[in-house]
Amino acid sequence: MDQEDKRNPKNWTEEERDRVVGLFQLLLKIDKRQNPDLYKAAKNRQNMTVLDKDGEEVIL
């Protein structure tokens, strides 16, 4: 298979998919150690409010 085919994840082997997933697992683990507050569950709905592209509040 040439490199062009590897750009599409549907053409990856199981080993290649496992490597990509493993990389993201490692990155999340490292980020959770450095920023544990970002991974805590919200205590109330107020903490789950974000702004959309127009600046309007959206409750998740």
C-alpha atoms as a PDB file:
ATOM      1  CA  MET A   1       0.000   0.000   0.000  1.00  0.00           C
ATOM      2  CA  ASP A   2       1.394   3.435  -0.852  1.00  0.00           C
ATOM      3  CA  GLN A   3       1.474   6.401   1.533  1.00  0.00           C
ATOM      4  CA  GLU A   4      -1.620   8.000  -0.006  1.00  0.00           C
ATOM      5  CA  ASP A   5      -3.753   5.097   1.220  1.00  0.00           C
ATOM      6  CA  LYS A   6      -2.490   5.475   4.808  1.00  0.00           C
ATOM      7  CA  ARG A   7      -3.999   8.942   5.159  1.00  0.00           C
ATOM      8  CA  ASN A   8      -7.431   7.375   5.442  1.00  0.00           C
ATOM      9  CA  PRO A   9      -7.872   5.662   8.852  1.00  0.00           C
ATOM     10  CA  LYS A  10     -10.132   3.088   7.217  1.00  0.00           C
ATOM     11  CA  ASN A  11      -7.051   1.698   5.482  1.00  0.00           C
ATOM     12  CA  TRP A  12      -5.002   1.297   8.684  1.00  0.00           C
ATOM     13  CA  THR A  13      -4.135  -2.101  10.072  1.00  0.00           C
ATOM     14  CA  GLU A  14      -5.281  -3.086  13.550  1.00  0.00           C
ATOM     15  CA  GLU A  15      -1.744  -2.532  14.844  1.00  0.00           C
ATOM     16  CA  GLU A  16      -1.643   0.984  13.411  1.00  0.00           C
ATOM     17  CA  ARG A  17      -5.001   1.851  14.999  1.00  0.00           C
ATOM     18  CA  ASP A  18      -3.802   0.447  18.334  1.00  0.00           C
ATOM     19  CA  ARG A  19      -0.687   2.610  18.171  1.00  0.00           C
ATOM     20  CA  VAL A  20      -2.680   5.787  17.521  1.00  0.00           C
ATOM     21  CA  VAL A  21      -5.151   4.992  20.311  1.00  0.00           C
ATOM     22  CA  GLY A  22      -2.254   4.182  22.649  1.00  0.00           C
ATOM     23  CA  LEU A  23      -0.613   7.505  21.868  1.00  0.00           C
ATOM     24  CA  PHE A  24      -3.777   9.422  22.733  1.00  0.00           C
ATOM     25  CA  GLN A  25      -4.203   7.392  25.935  1.00  0.00           C
ATOM     26  CA  LEU A  26      -0.678   8.366  26.949  1.00  0.00           C
ATOM     27  CA  LEU A  27      -1.266  12.032  26.134  1.00  0.00           C
ATOM     28  CA  LEU A  28      -4.480  12.077  28.185  1.00  0.00           C
ATOM     29  CA  LYS A  29      -2.748  10.380  31.114  1.00  0.00           C
ATOM     30  CA  ILE A  30       0.045  12.982  31.069  1.00  0.00           C
ATOM     31  CA  ASP A  31      -2.416  15.866  30.736  1.00  0.00           C
ATOM     32  CA  LYS A  32      -4.530  14.549  33.628  1.00  0.00           C
ATOM     33  CA  ARG A  33      -1.421  14.581  35.829  1.00  0.00           C
ATOM     34  CA  GLN A  34      -0.566  18.160  34.834  1.00  0.00           C
ATOM     35  CA  ASN A  35      -4.141  19.530  34.844  1.00  0.00           C
ATOM     36  CA  PRO A  36      -6.242  17.393  37.207  1.00  0.00           C
ATOM     37  CA  ASP A  37      -8.841  20.143  37.733  1.00  0.00           C
ATOM     38  CA  LEU A  38      -9.858  19.980  34.081  1.00  0.00           C
ATOM     39  CA  TYR A  39     -10.945  16.351  34.490  1.00  0.00           C
ATOM     40  CA  LYS A  40     -13.103  16.720  37.592  1.00  0.00           C
ATOM     41  CA  ALA A  41     -16.855  16.320  37.129  1.00  0.00           C
ATOM     42  CA  ALA A  42     -18.842  19.522  37.414  1.00  0.00           C
ATOM     43  CA  LYS A  43     -20.647  19.917  40.741  1.00  0.00           C
ATOM     44  CA  ASN A  44     -23.450  21.987  39.298  1.00  0.00           C
ATOM     45  CA  ARG A  45     -24.875  23.037  35.927  1.00  0.00           C
ATOM     46  CA  GLN A  46     -23.330  26.484  36.214  1.00  0.00           C
ATOM     47  CA  ASN A  47     -19.881  24.978  35.634  1.00  0.00           C
ATOM     48  CA  MET A  48     -21.102  23.364  32.434  1.00  0.00           C
ATOM     49  CA  THR A  49     -21.928  26.616  30.649  1.00  0.00           C
ATOM     50  CA  VAL A  50     -19.894  27.610  27.586  1.00  0.00           C
ATOM     51  CA  LEU A  51     -20.114  30.372  25.009  1.00  0.00           C
ATOM     52  CA  ASP A  52     -20.959  29.569  21.398  1.00  0.00           C
ATOM     53  CA  LYS A  53     -19.456  31.367  18.378  1.00  0.00           C
ATOM     54  CA  ASP A  54     -21.929  34.255  18.795  1.00  0.00           C
ATOM     55  CA  GLY A  55     -21.125  34.741  22.474  1.00  0.00           C
ATOM     56  CA  GLU A  56     -24.373  33.200  23.693  1.00  0.00           C
ATOM     57  CA  GLU A  57     -24.276  30.929  26.737  1.00  0.00           C
ATOM     58  CA  VAL A  58     -24.943  27.256  26.050  1.00  0.00           C
ATOM     59  CA  ILE A  59     -25.573  24.773  28.862  1.00  0.00           C
ATOM     60  CA  LEU A  60     -24.048  21.384  28.203  1.00  0.00           C
END
